[in-house]
Amino acid sequence: MDKSDIQKLRDLPIGEVAERLGLQVNGRGQCLCPFHDDHHPSMALGRHNQYRCFVCDAHGDVIDLVMKVTGKSFREACRWLAEGEACGEVSGFKIQDSRNNNHESFTMNHEPFDAARYARFFERPFLIEEARRFLFEERRLDERVVRWCRLTSWRDRRGIPWLQIPYYDREGRLIGVQNRNLVRGALPRFRFPKGSECGIYNLPVLNRLKEGDELWITEGASDCWAMLSSGRKAIAIPSATLLTPKDVAQLSTINCQLSTECHMFPDADAPGERLFMQLREVLPNLEHHHLPKGCKDYGEMYLKEKTL
């Protein structure tokens, strides 16, 4: 692979490469930084096809990103980009394979989510030791909630444990899967199968709302599990900076169809408050609740209540 081939790799759209690495990129070209404990997207992608985190100052080009996220060497990262799964889903890339002098064309793959392939994993959920420790010892969740959400787990070929989180639409159809790395501090933190739609979480709970019931809105699936474990009916927005037009349309439909009061404990930071204000525009009856001092999100509040 000569210098021109390497430059072609560096010119691959960094946002698309980031998504193939398991990073969830929002409409503004931002994602959670995988190099520190990031709760609100602080990594920017795209300026001169580079990445930069405005918190930990991690930065570099496409090849640097692959190297740092995967732990690969420079040569291995280039090969992964040129020949691996990521390259098969990056738009408009063509490179000459110097080993056999053949040309291979790589185009953006817009395959729909293969629900049939993944649905079987959630028919009989199984929790490995690391998953049970995370859910029941660290998060102190109600086992009924874990069953309702159909959380399951698996180990990859390297023995890394993953929590597998299904996303369903309101009719109960599987529309996406989020894989969460259960090794603390390991990268990547999340992986998403091709075509996964991981928008509003736990939509099937809307069918269980009765007259007079409250609907609680959280930020992220883990806070939603905590809210459900406290006995409340809840849905979750993926992130304070990932409220998509599709999410807004769904919330607007919910507001029109359901005569229910909506409640929220926004995260104790500026993005959390901004998310509340965004949601308030769609859900005029959304009621603001304040977290106790020292709690950054509802999950921490829930854990404190469990220890009392």
Protein backbone atom coordinates (compact mmCIF):
# COMPACT_ATOMS: atom_id res chain seq x y z
CA MET A 1 0.00 0.00 0.00
CA ASP A 2 1.68 3.22 -1.17
CA LYS A 3 1.28 6.83 -0.01
CA SER A 4 -1.61 7.52 -2.38
CA ASP A 5 -3.53 4.51 -1.03
CA ILE A 6 -2.95 5.66 2.55
CA GLN A 7 -4.19 9.14 1.63
CA LYS A 8 -7.35 7.58 0.18
CA LEU A 9 -7.92 5.92 3.55
CA ARG A 10 -7.43 9.23 5.35
CA ASP A 11 -10.01 10.77 3.01
CA LEU A 12 -12.73 8.29 4.01
CA PRO A 13 -15.66 10.16 5.67
CA ILE A 14 -14.68 10.11 9.32
CA GLY A 15 -18.29 10.16 10.54
CA GLU A 16 -19.10 6.94 8.68
CA VAL A 17 -15.91 5.26 9.90
CA ALA A 18 -16.77 6.30 13.48
CA GLU A 19 -20.20 4.67 13.19
CA ARG A 20 -18.61 1.41 12.01
CA LEU A 21 -16.40 1.57 15.10
CA GLY A 22 -19.56 1.56 17.23
CA LEU A 23 -19.75 5.31 17.91
CA GLN A 24 -23.21 6.86 17.60
CA VAL A 25 -22.87 10.11 15.66
CA ASN A 26 -25.60 12.74 15.91
CA GLY A 27 -26.81 15.10 13.20
CA ARG A 28 -24.22 17.71 14.16
CA GLY A 29 -21.31 15.35 13.64
CA GLN A 30 -20.74 14.77 17.35
CA CYS A 31 -20.49 11.61 19.44
CA LEU A 32 -19.60 10.46 22.93
CA CYS A 33 -15.84 10.43 23.26
CA PRO A 34 -14.66 6.81 23.68
CA PHE A 35 -11.45 7.93 25.38
CA HIS A 36 -12.93 9.25 28.63
CA ASP A 37 -16.11 8.83 30.69
CA ASP A 38 -18.27 11.00 28.46
CA HIS A 39 -22.00 11.50 29.15
CA HIS A 40 -22.76 14.20 26.56
CA PRO A 41 -21.15 14.14 23.11
CA SER A 42 -17.91 16.10 23.34
CA MET A 43 -16.13 14.68 20.30
CA ALA A 44 -16.51 16.57 17.03
CA LEU A 45 -16.04 14.80 13.69
CA GLY A 46 -15.62 16.19 10.22
CA ARG A 47 -13.58 19.40 10.35
CA HIS A 48 -10.85 18.69 7.78
CA ASN A 49 -11.92 15.03 8.20
CA GLN A 50 -10.42 14.99 11.71
CA TYR A 51 -11.77 14.15 15.16
CA ARG A 52 -11.23 16.19 18.31
CA CYS A 53 -12.58 15.86 21.85
CA PHE A 54 -13.07 19.22 23.53
CA VAL A 55 -12.72 17.63 26.98
CA CYS A 56 -9.73 15.28 26.86
CA ASP A 57 -8.25 16.80 23.66
CA ALA A 58 -7.94 13.45 21.88
CA HIS A 59 -7.54 14.25 18.18
CA GLY A 60 -6.32 12.89 14.86
CA ASP A 61 -7.35 11.62 11.46
CA VAL A 62 -9.32 8.59 10.29
CA ILE A 63 -6.44 6.15 10.71
CA ASP A 64 -5.58 7.56 14.15
CA LEU A 65 -9.19 7.06 15.24
CA VAL A 66 -9.19 3.40 14.18
CA MET A 67 -5.85 2.78 15.87
CA LYS A 68 -6.87 4.37 19.15
CA VAL A 69 -10.35 2.81 19.37
CA THR A 70 -9.32 -0.72 18.33
CA GLY A 71 -5.75 -0.87 19.60
CA LYS A 72 -4.51 -1.85 16.13
CA SER A 73 -1.12 -0.92 14.71
CA PHE A 74 -0.89 1.54 11.82
CA ARG A 75 -0.62 -1.27 9.29
CA GLU A 76 -3.51 -3.20 10.85
CA ALA A 77 -5.71 -0.10 10.95
CA CYS A 78 -5.06 0.59 7.28
CA ARG A 79 -5.89 -3.00 6.39
CA TRP A 80 -9.09 -2.82 8.48
CA LEU A 81 -10.16 0.31 6.64
CA ALA A 82 -9.26 -1.05 3.22
CA GLU A 83 -10.55 -4.57 3.50
CA GLY A 84 -12.73 -4.90 6.57
CA GLU A 85 -16.38 -4.37 7.33
CA ALA A 86 -15.99 -0.61 7.75
CA CYS A 87 -14.76 -0.11 4.23
CA GLY A 88 -17.73 -2.03 2.89
CA GLU A 89 -19.98 0.65 4.36
CA VAL A 90 -18.13 3.84 3.56
CA SER A 91 -19.40 5.70 0.54
CA GLY A 92 -17.58 6.02 -2.74
CA PHE A 93 -14.28 4.39 -1.80
CA LYS A 94 -12.12 2.55 -4.30
CA ILE A 95 -8.61 1.33 -3.63
CA GLN A 96 -6.11 -0.87 -5.41
CA ASP A 97 -5.06 -3.98 -3.55
CA SER A 98 -1.30 -4.06 -4.08
CA ARG A 99 -1.07 -7.77 -3.23
CA ASN A 100 -3.01 -9.01 -6.23
CA ASN A 101 -3.32 -5.82 -8.34
CA ASN A 102 -7.11 -6.15 -8.43
CA HIS A 103 -9.52 -3.24 -7.98
CA GLU A 104 -12.31 -3.52 -5.45
CA SER A 105 -15.11 -0.97 -5.19
CA PHE A 106 -16.57 -0.16 -1.77
CA THR A 107 -19.88 1.68 -1.60
CA MET A 108 -22.17 2.83 1.18
CA ASN A 109 -24.30 -0.07 2.32
CA HIS A 110 -27.84 1.01 3.17
CA GLU A 111 -29.02 -2.43 4.14
CA PRO A 112 -32.13 -2.41 6.33
CA PHE A 113 -31.91 -3.80 9.85
CA ASP A 114 -32.12 -7.61 9.76
CA ALA A 115 -34.64 -8.07 12.59
CA ALA A 116 -35.09 -11.80 11.89
CA ARG A 117 -31.39 -12.40 12.47
CA TYR A 118 -31.39 -10.79 15.93
CA ALA A 119 -34.91 -11.46 17.24
CA ARG A 120 -34.02 -15.01 18.29
CA PHE A 121 -31.44 -13.69 20.76
CA PHE A 122 -34.22 -12.11 22.81
CA GLU A 123 -36.67 -15.02 22.78
CA ARG A 124 -34.81 -16.67 25.66
CA PRO A 125 -32.61 -13.98 27.26
CA PHE A 126 -29.54 -15.23 29.09
CA LEU A 127 -27.43 -13.21 31.50
CA ILE A 128 -23.78 -14.12 31.94
CA GLU A 129 -22.05 -13.37 35.23
CA GLU A 130 -20.80 -9.92 34.20
CA ALA A 131 -24.28 -8.92 33.03
CA ARG A 132 -25.92 -10.05 36.25
CA ARG A 133 -23.34 -8.15 38.28
CA PHE A 134 -23.86 -4.99 36.22
CA LEU A 135 -27.65 -5.11 36.30
CA PHE A 136 -28.39 -6.41 39.79
CA GLU A 137 -25.36 -5.49 41.92
CA GLU A 138 -24.18 -2.24 40.35
CA ARG A 139 -27.51 -0.90 39.03
CA ARG A 140 -29.76 -2.64 41.62
CA LEU A 141 -32.50 -3.20 39.03
CA ASP A 142 -35.71 -5.13 39.51
CA GLU A 143 -35.52 -8.53 37.80
CA ARG A 144 -39.01 -7.98 36.37
CA VAL A 145 -37.75 -4.90 34.55
CA VAL A 146 -34.83 -6.83 33.05
CA ARG A 147 -37.26 -9.47 31.82
CA TRP A 148 -39.66 -6.85 30.43
CA CYS A 149 -36.83 -5.16 28.52
CA ARG A 150 -35.58 -8.57 27.29
CA LEU A 151 -31.97 -7.78 28.12
CA THR A 152 -29.58 -10.54 27.19
CA SER A 153 -25.80 -10.94 26.96
CA TRP A 154 -23.00 -12.68 25.07
CA ARG A 155 -19.23 -12.94 24.71
CA ASP A 156 -17.39 -12.16 21.53
CA ARG A 157 -14.56 -14.23 20.09
CA ARG A 158 -12.06 -12.44 22.32
CA GLY A 159 -14.09 -13.27 25.42
CA ILE A 160 -15.31 -9.71 25.94
CA PRO A 161 -18.74 -9.64 27.67
CA TRP A 162 -21.51 -7.55 26.10
CA LEU A 163 -24.99 -6.57 27.26
CA GLN A 164 -27.43 -6.74 24.35
CA ILE A 165 -30.26 -4.20 24.46
CA PRO A 166 -33.20 -4.53 22.04
CA TYR A 167 -35.18 -1.55 20.74
CA TYR A 168 -38.81 -2.15 19.78
CA ASP A 169 -41.38 0.06 18.13
CA ARG A 170 -44.75 0.62 19.77
CA GLU A 171 -46.18 -2.48 18.07
CA GLY A 172 -43.42 -4.65 19.55
CA ARG A 173 -41.39 -5.07 16.36
CA LEU A 174 -37.62 -5.26 16.82
CA ILE A 175 -36.08 -2.24 15.07
CA GLY A 176 -32.59 -2.03 16.54
CA VAL A 177 -29.98 -3.47 18.90
CA GLN A 178 -27.43 -1.75 21.08
CA ASN A 179 -24.48 -3.75 22.40
CA ARG A 180 -22.88 -2.34 25.54
CA ASN A 181 -19.35 -3.34 26.53
CA LEU A 182 -19.36 -4.65 30.11
CA VAL A 183 -15.62 -4.22 30.64
CA ARG A 184 -15.20 -0.96 32.54
CA GLY A 185 -13.20 1.55 30.51
CA ALA A 186 -12.89 -0.75 27.48
CA LEU A 187 -13.31 0.50 23.92
CA PRO A 188 -15.50 0.62 22.01
CA ARG A 189 -18.23 1.19 24.60
CA PHE A 190 -21.09 0.49 22.20
CA ARG A 191 -21.73 -1.39 18.99
CA PHE A 192 -24.76 -1.26 16.72
CA PRO A 193 -25.67 -3.77 13.99
CA LYS A 194 -26.24 -2.46 10.49
CA GLY A 195 -29.46 -0.51 10.12
CA SER A 196 -30.30 -0.39 13.85
CA GLU A 197 -32.80 2.31 14.81
CA CYS A 198 -31.97 3.13 18.40
CA GLY A 199 -34.18 6.14 18.96
CA ILE A 200 -36.82 6.40 21.69
CA TYR A 201 -36.43 3.44 24.03
CA ASN A 202 -39.20 1.26 25.55
CA LEU A 203 -42.04 2.41 23.28
CA PRO A 204 -44.16 -0.73 24.02
CA VAL A 205 -44.80 0.62 27.54
CA LEU A 206 -47.15 3.19 25.97
CA ASN A 207 -49.65 0.41 25.33
CA ARG A 208 -49.82 -0.21 29.09
CA LEU A 209 -50.72 3.34 30.03
CA LYS A 210 -54.13 3.66 31.64
CA GLU A 211 -56.20 6.75 32.31
CA GLY A 212 -54.50 8.77 35.01
CA ASP A 213 -51.11 7.08 34.59
CA GLU A 214 -47.98 9.21 34.51
CA LEU A 215 -45.37 8.82 31.77
CA TRP A 216 -41.77 9.51 32.77
CA ILE A 217 -39.07 10.48 30.30
CA THR A 218 -35.42 9.74 31.00
CA GLU A 219 -32.15 10.27 29.19
CA GLY A 220 -30.66 6.92 28.15
CA ALA A 221 -31.74 3.31 28.58
CA SER A 222 -30.00 2.75 31.94
CA ASP A 223 -31.94 5.61 33.58
CA CYS A 224 -35.10 4.17 32.04
CA TRP A 225 -34.39 0.81 33.72
CA ALA A 226 -33.98 2.61 37.04
CA MET A 227 -37.24 4.51 36.54
CA LEU A 228 -39.09 1.30 35.66
CA SER A 229 -37.57 -0.40 38.70
CA SER A 230 -38.99 2.37 40.88
CA GLY A 231 -42.47 1.39 39.70
CA ARG A 232 -43.03 4.13 37.11
CA LYS A 233 -43.84 3.77 33.42
CA ALA A 234 -41.03 5.31 31.38
CA ILE A 235 -39.49 5.83 27.98
CA ALA A 236 -36.01 7.15 27.20
CA ILE A 237 -34.41 9.62 24.81
CA PRO A 238 -31.00 8.31 23.66
CA SER A 239 -29.06 11.46 24.62
CA ALA A 240 -29.46 15.14 25.32
CA THR A 241 -27.91 15.88 21.92
CA LEU A 242 -29.52 13.06 19.92
CA LEU A 243 -33.17 14.14 19.71
CA THR A 244 -33.91 13.44 16.05
CA PRO A 245 -36.80 14.72 13.90
CA LYS A 246 -38.22 11.19 13.95
CA ASP A 247 -38.15 11.20 17.77
CA VAL A 248 -39.92 14.56 17.81
CA ALA A 249 -42.61 13.25 15.45
CA GLN A 250 -43.17 10.20 17.66
CA LEU A 251 -43.43 12.35 20.79
CA SER A 252 -45.88 14.65 19.04
CA THR A 253 -48.03 11.64 18.18
CA ILE A 254 -47.86 10.46 21.79
CA ASN A 255 -48.98 13.89 22.97
CA CYS A 256 -51.96 13.85 20.59
CA GLN A 257 -53.05 10.26 21.26
CA LEU A 258 -52.52 9.94 25.01
CA SER A 259 -54.11 12.07 27.68
CA THR A 260 -51.40 11.51 30.24
CA GLU A 261 -49.17 13.69 32.37
CA CYS A 262 -45.49 13.61 31.44
CA HIS A 263 -42.69 13.99 33.98
CA MET A 264 -38.91 14.25 33.86
CA PHE A 265 -35.84 14.49 36.08
CA PRO A 266 -33.44 16.25 33.67
CA ASP A 267 -29.76 15.47 34.13
CA ALA A 268 -28.11 18.01 36.40
CA ASP A 269 -26.21 19.84 33.67
CA ALA A 270 -26.79 22.29 30.84
CA PRO A 271 -27.45 19.64 28.14
CA GLY A 272 -30.01 17.98 30.39
CA GLU A 273 -31.87 21.25 30.87
CA ARG A 274 -31.73 21.97 27.15
CA LEU A 275 -33.22 18.56 26.43
CA PHE A 276 -36.06 19.31 28.84
CA MET A 277 -36.80 22.58 27.06
CA GLN A 278 -36.78 20.82 23.68
CA LEU A 279 -39.19 18.19 24.96
CA ARG A 280 -41.38 20.83 26.55
CA GLU A 281 -42.01 22.29 23.08
CA VAL A 282 -43.43 18.93 21.96
CA LEU A 283 -45.01 17.93 25.28
CA PRO A 284 -46.47 21.13 26.78
CA ASN A 285 -47.58 19.34 29.94
CA LEU A 286 -44.09 17.97 30.69
CA GLU A 287 -43.36 18.59 34.38
CA HIS A 288 -39.83 19.36 35.60
CA HIS A 289 -38.51 17.59 38.72
CA HIS A 290 -35.21 18.45 40.39
CA LEU A 291 -32.65 15.81 41.31
CA PRO A 292 -31.33 15.76 44.88
CA LYS A 293 -28.08 17.60 45.46
CA GLY A 294 -25.11 15.48 44.44
CA CYS A 295 -26.99 13.35 41.88
CA LYS A 296 -26.05 13.92 38.24
CA ASP A 297 -28.88 11.79 36.81
CA TYR A 298 -31.88 9.71 37.82
CA GLY A 299 -29.80 6.51 37.96
CA GLU A 300 -27.73 7.96 40.81
CA MET A 301 -30.87 9.15 42.57
CA TYR A 302 -32.35 5.66 42.30
CA LEU A 303 -29.22 4.03 43.76
CA LYS A 304 -29.22 6.47 46.69
CA GLU A 305 -32.86 5.69 47.41
CA LYS A 306 -32.10 1.95 47.31
CA THR A 307 -29.39 2.33 49.97
CA LEU A 308 -31.62 4.22 52.43
